[in-house]
Amino acid sequence: MHLSEIDFGAARPIEGYGPDFFRLGGEAHTAPLLVVAGEVRAWAGYHDVAPLLALAGKVDVLFIGTGGTIAHLPEDLRETLESAGIGAEIMDSPAACRTYNVLLAEERRVALAVLPVG
């Protein structure tokens, strides 16, 4: 079997995570985070809607990691994202990180809003 290294270019995949942190580009970042291609920034959680709405028209899908277990989004957040035309996929944070990395490797326009795993 032949394995090849993935080149993410300027994008920053999730390399690892633990309680209250995510590692990108060899650096640990305090959770929760919003990750869009080459940019990583703090995200204050479900009530921090403005940076999510700023993604409208810029990404094909927003993955929202709900922590160590899957949970429903608050109804008002879900409705706000839908009204803005932002497609959001909800899953636990480990699954959201893995899925984000796969689509990032495919050079898709993706973003990740992720809560800590524990």
C-alpha atoms as a PDB file:
ATOM      1  CA  MET A   1       0.000   0.000   0.000  1.00  0.00           C
ATOM      2  CA  HIS A   2       1.275   3.464  -0.911  1.00  0.00           C
ATOM      3  CA  LEU A   3       0.653   6.276   1.560  1.00  0.00           C
ATOM      4  CA  SER A   4       0.991   9.886   0.574  1.00  0.00           C
ATOM      5  CA  GLU A   5       1.200  12.952   2.761  1.00  0.00           C
ATOM      6  CA  ILE A   6      -1.674  15.419   2.497  1.00  0.00           C
ATOM      7  CA  ASP A   7      -0.732  18.993   1.662  1.00  0.00           C
ATOM      8  CA  PHE A   8      -3.198  21.361   3.294  1.00  0.00           C
ATOM      9  CA  GLY A   9      -1.482  24.465   1.898  1.00  0.00           C
ATOM     10  CA  ALA A  10      -2.245  27.488   4.095  1.00  0.00           C
ATOM     11  CA  ALA A  11      -5.238  25.741   5.678  1.00  0.00           C
ATOM     12  CA  ARG A  12      -4.890  24.475   9.239  1.00  0.00           C
ATOM     13  CA  PRO A  13      -6.198  21.001  10.025  1.00  0.00           C
ATOM     14  CA  ILE A  14      -6.987  19.864  13.548  1.00  0.00           C
ATOM     15  CA  GLU A  15      -3.982  17.833  14.707  1.00  0.00           C
ATOM     16  CA  GLY A  16      -5.274  16.874  18.132  1.00  0.00           C
ATOM     17  CA  TYR A  17      -7.501  17.815  21.043  1.00  0.00           C
ATOM     18  CA  GLY A  18      -7.983  17.291  24.733  1.00  0.00           C
ATOM     19  CA  PRO A  19      -9.815  18.838  27.653  1.00  0.00           C
ATOM     20  CA  ASP A  20     -10.182  22.538  26.851  1.00  0.00           C
ATOM     21  CA  PHE A  21      -7.711  22.679  23.929  1.00  0.00           C
ATOM     22  CA  PHE A  22      -7.303  21.912  20.244  1.00  0.00           C
ATOM     23  CA  ARG A  23      -3.920  21.645  18.479  1.00  0.00           C
ATOM     24  CA  LEU A  24      -3.416  23.231  15.050  1.00  0.00           C
ATOM     25  CA  GLY A  25      -0.098  23.930  13.352  1.00  0.00           C
ATOM     26  CA  GLY A  26       1.763  22.497  16.340  1.00  0.00           C
ATOM     27  CA  GLU A  27       0.177  25.038  18.688  1.00  0.00           C
ATOM     28  CA  ALA A  28      -2.400  24.419  21.397  1.00  0.00           C
ATOM     29  CA  HIS A  29      -5.382  26.777  21.299  1.00  0.00           C
ATOM     30  CA  THR A  30      -7.826  27.203  24.144  1.00  0.00           C
ATOM     31  CA  ALA A  31     -11.297  25.929  23.292  1.00  0.00           C
ATOM     32  CA  PRO A  32     -13.881  26.762  22.033  1.00  0.00           C
ATOM     33  CA  LEU A  33     -12.605  27.714  18.578  1.00  0.00           C
ATOM     34  CA  LEU A  34     -13.736  28.859  15.166  1.00  0.00           C
ATOM     35  CA  VAL A  35     -11.493  27.543  12.396  1.00  0.00           C
ATOM     36  CA  VAL A  36     -11.795  28.714   8.797  1.00  0.00           C
ATOM     37  CA  ALA A  37      -9.069  27.542   6.377  1.00  0.00           C
ATOM     38  CA  GLY A  38      -5.923  29.390   7.508  1.00  0.00           C
ATOM     39  CA  GLU A  39      -7.524  31.316  10.364  1.00  0.00           C
ATOM     40  CA  VAL A  40      -8.053  30.221  13.967  1.00  0.00           C
ATOM     41  CA  ARG A  41      -9.846  32.382  16.500  1.00  0.00           C
ATOM     42  CA  ALA A  42     -11.600  32.111  19.824  1.00  0.00           C
ATOM     43  CA  TRP A  43     -15.320  31.458  19.709  1.00  0.00           C
ATOM     44  CA  ALA A  44     -17.528  32.132  22.724  1.00  0.00           C
ATOM     45  CA  GLY A  45     -19.982  29.311  22.026  1.00  0.00           C
ATOM     46  CA  TYR A  46     -23.583  29.134  20.885  1.00  0.00           C
ATOM     47  CA  HIS A  47     -24.448  32.719  21.832  1.00  0.00           C
ATOM     48  CA  ASP A  48     -21.518  34.066  19.740  1.00  0.00           C
ATOM     49  CA  VAL A  49     -23.469  34.185  16.475  1.00  0.00           C
ATOM     50  CA  ALA A  50     -21.827  37.117  14.632  1.00  0.00           C
ATOM     51  CA  PRO A  51     -18.668  35.265  13.521  1.00  0.00           C
ATOM     52  CA  LEU A  52     -20.802  32.367  12.296  1.00  0.00           C
ATOM     53  CA  LEU A  53     -23.071  34.678  10.290  1.00  0.00           C
ATOM     54  CA  ALA A  54     -19.975  36.276   8.731  1.00  0.00           C
ATOM     55  CA  LEU A  55     -19.360  32.911   7.026  1.00  0.00           C
ATOM     56  CA  ALA A  56     -22.487  33.230   4.854  1.00  0.00           C
ATOM     57  CA  GLY A  57     -21.511  32.770   1.215  1.00  0.00           C
ATOM     58  CA  LYS A  58     -17.893  31.992   2.161  1.00  0.00           C
ATOM     59  CA  VAL A  59     -18.200  28.331   3.145  1.00  0.00           C
ATOM     60  CA  ASP A  60     -20.119  25.364   1.812  1.00  0.00           C
ATOM     61  CA  VAL A  61     -20.642  23.838   5.232  1.00  0.00           C
ATOM     62  CA  LEU A  62     -20.082  24.738   8.868  1.00  0.00           C
ATOM     63  CA  PHE A  63     -19.321  21.842  11.197  1.00  0.00           C
ATOM     64  CA  ILE A  64     -20.379  22.490  14.768  1.00  0.00           C
ATOM     65  CA  GLY A  65     -18.753  20.281  17.370  1.00  0.00           C
ATOM     66  CA  THR A  66     -20.936  20.055  20.469  1.00  0.00           C
ATOM     67  CA  GLY A  67     -18.274  18.753  22.860  1.00  0.00           C
ATOM     68  CA  GLY A  68     -17.625  15.183  23.970  1.00  0.00           C
ATOM     69  CA  THR A  69     -21.126  14.038  23.055  1.00  0.00           C
ATOM     70  CA  ILE A  70     -23.559  15.067  20.361  1.00  0.00           C
ATOM     71  CA  ALA A  71     -26.207  17.573  21.402  1.00  0.00           C
ATOM     72  CA  HIS A  72     -28.908  19.606  19.723  1.00  0.00           C
ATOM     73  CA  LEU A  73     -28.203  23.206  18.819  1.00  0.00           C
ATOM     74  CA  PRO A  74     -30.322  25.817  20.529  1.00  0.00           C
ATOM     75  CA  GLU A  75     -33.369  26.314  18.301  1.00  0.00           C
ATOM     76  CA  ASP A  76     -32.770  30.039  17.810  1.00  0.00           C
ATOM     77  CA  LEU A  77     -29.189  29.418  16.623  1.00  0.00           C
ATOM     78  CA  ARG A  78     -30.310  26.722  14.188  1.00  0.00           C
ATOM     79  CA  GLU A  79     -33.004  29.014  12.770  1.00  0.00           C
ATOM     80  CA  THR A  80     -30.593  31.962  12.509  1.00  0.00           C
ATOM     81  CA  LEU A  81     -28.042  29.897  10.579  1.00  0.00           C
ATOM     82  CA  GLU A  82     -30.715  28.498   8.261  1.00  0.00           C
ATOM     83  CA  SER A  83     -32.105  31.981   7.594  1.00  0.00           C
ATOM     84  CA  ALA A  84     -28.602  33.170   6.654  1.00  0.00           C
ATOM     85  CA  GLY A  85     -28.216  30.259   4.230  1.00  0.00           C
ATOM     86  CA  ILE A  86     -25.473  28.603   6.243  1.00  0.00           C
ATOM     87  CA  GLY A  87     -25.513  24.819   6.059  1.00  0.00           C
ATOM     88  CA  ALA A  88     -24.513  23.466   9.456  1.00  0.00           C
ATOM     89  CA  GLU A  89     -23.698  19.872  10.340  1.00  0.00           C
ATOM     90  CA  ILE A  90     -23.931  19.066  14.032  1.00  0.00           C
ATOM     91  CA  MET A  91     -21.846  16.306  15.624  1.00  0.00           C
ATOM     92  CA  ASP A  92     -19.686  15.658  18.655  1.00  0.00           C
ATOM     93  CA  SER A  93     -16.384  17.555  18.572  1.00  0.00           C
ATOM     94  CA  PRO A  94     -14.109  14.575  17.747  1.00  0.00           C
ATOM     95  CA  ALA A  95     -16.274  13.666  14.734  1.00  0.00           C
ATOM     96  CA  ALA A  96     -16.506  17.317  13.674  1.00  0.00           C
ATOM     97  CA  CYS A  97     -12.693  17.636  13.732  1.00  0.00           C
ATOM     98  CA  ARG A  98     -12.197  14.477  11.663  1.00  0.00           C
ATOM     99  CA  THR A  99     -14.850  15.456   9.124  1.00  0.00           C
ATOM    100  CA  TYR A 100     -13.485  18.996   8.870  1.00  0.00           C
ATOM    101  CA  ASN A 101     -10.001  17.614   8.121  1.00  0.00           C
ATOM    102  CA  VAL A 102     -11.287  15.262   5.413  1.00  0.00           C
ATOM    103  CA  LEU A 103     -13.186  17.994   3.580  1.00  0.00           C
ATOM    104  CA  LEU A 104     -10.310  20.429   4.073  1.00  0.00           C
ATOM    105  CA  ALA A 105      -7.994  17.911   2.358  1.00  0.00           C
ATOM    106  CA  GLU A 106     -10.467  17.872  -0.549  1.00  0.00           C
ATOM    107  CA  GLU A 107     -10.050  21.663  -0.746  1.00  0.00           C
ATOM    108  CA  ARG A 108     -13.690  22.249   0.145  1.00  0.00           C
ATOM    109  CA  ARG A 109     -14.852  25.549   1.630  1.00  0.00           C
ATOM    110  CA  VAL A 110     -15.456  24.443   5.209  1.00  0.00           C
ATOM    111  CA  ALA A 111     -15.437  25.943   8.675  1.00  0.00           C
ATOM    112  CA  LEU A 112     -15.425  24.442  12.155  1.00  0.00           C
ATOM    113  CA  ALA A 113     -16.991  25.870  15.309  1.00  0.00           C
ATOM    114  CA  VAL A 114     -16.026  23.530  18.086  1.00  0.00           C
ATOM    115  CA  LEU A 115     -16.648  23.238  21.822  1.00  0.00           C
ATOM    116  CA  PRO A 116     -14.184  21.469  24.142  1.00  0.00           C
ATOM    117  CA  VAL A 117     -14.349  17.699  24.490  1.00  0.00           C
ATOM    118  CA  GLY A 118     -14.282  17.534  28.252  1.00  0.00           C
END
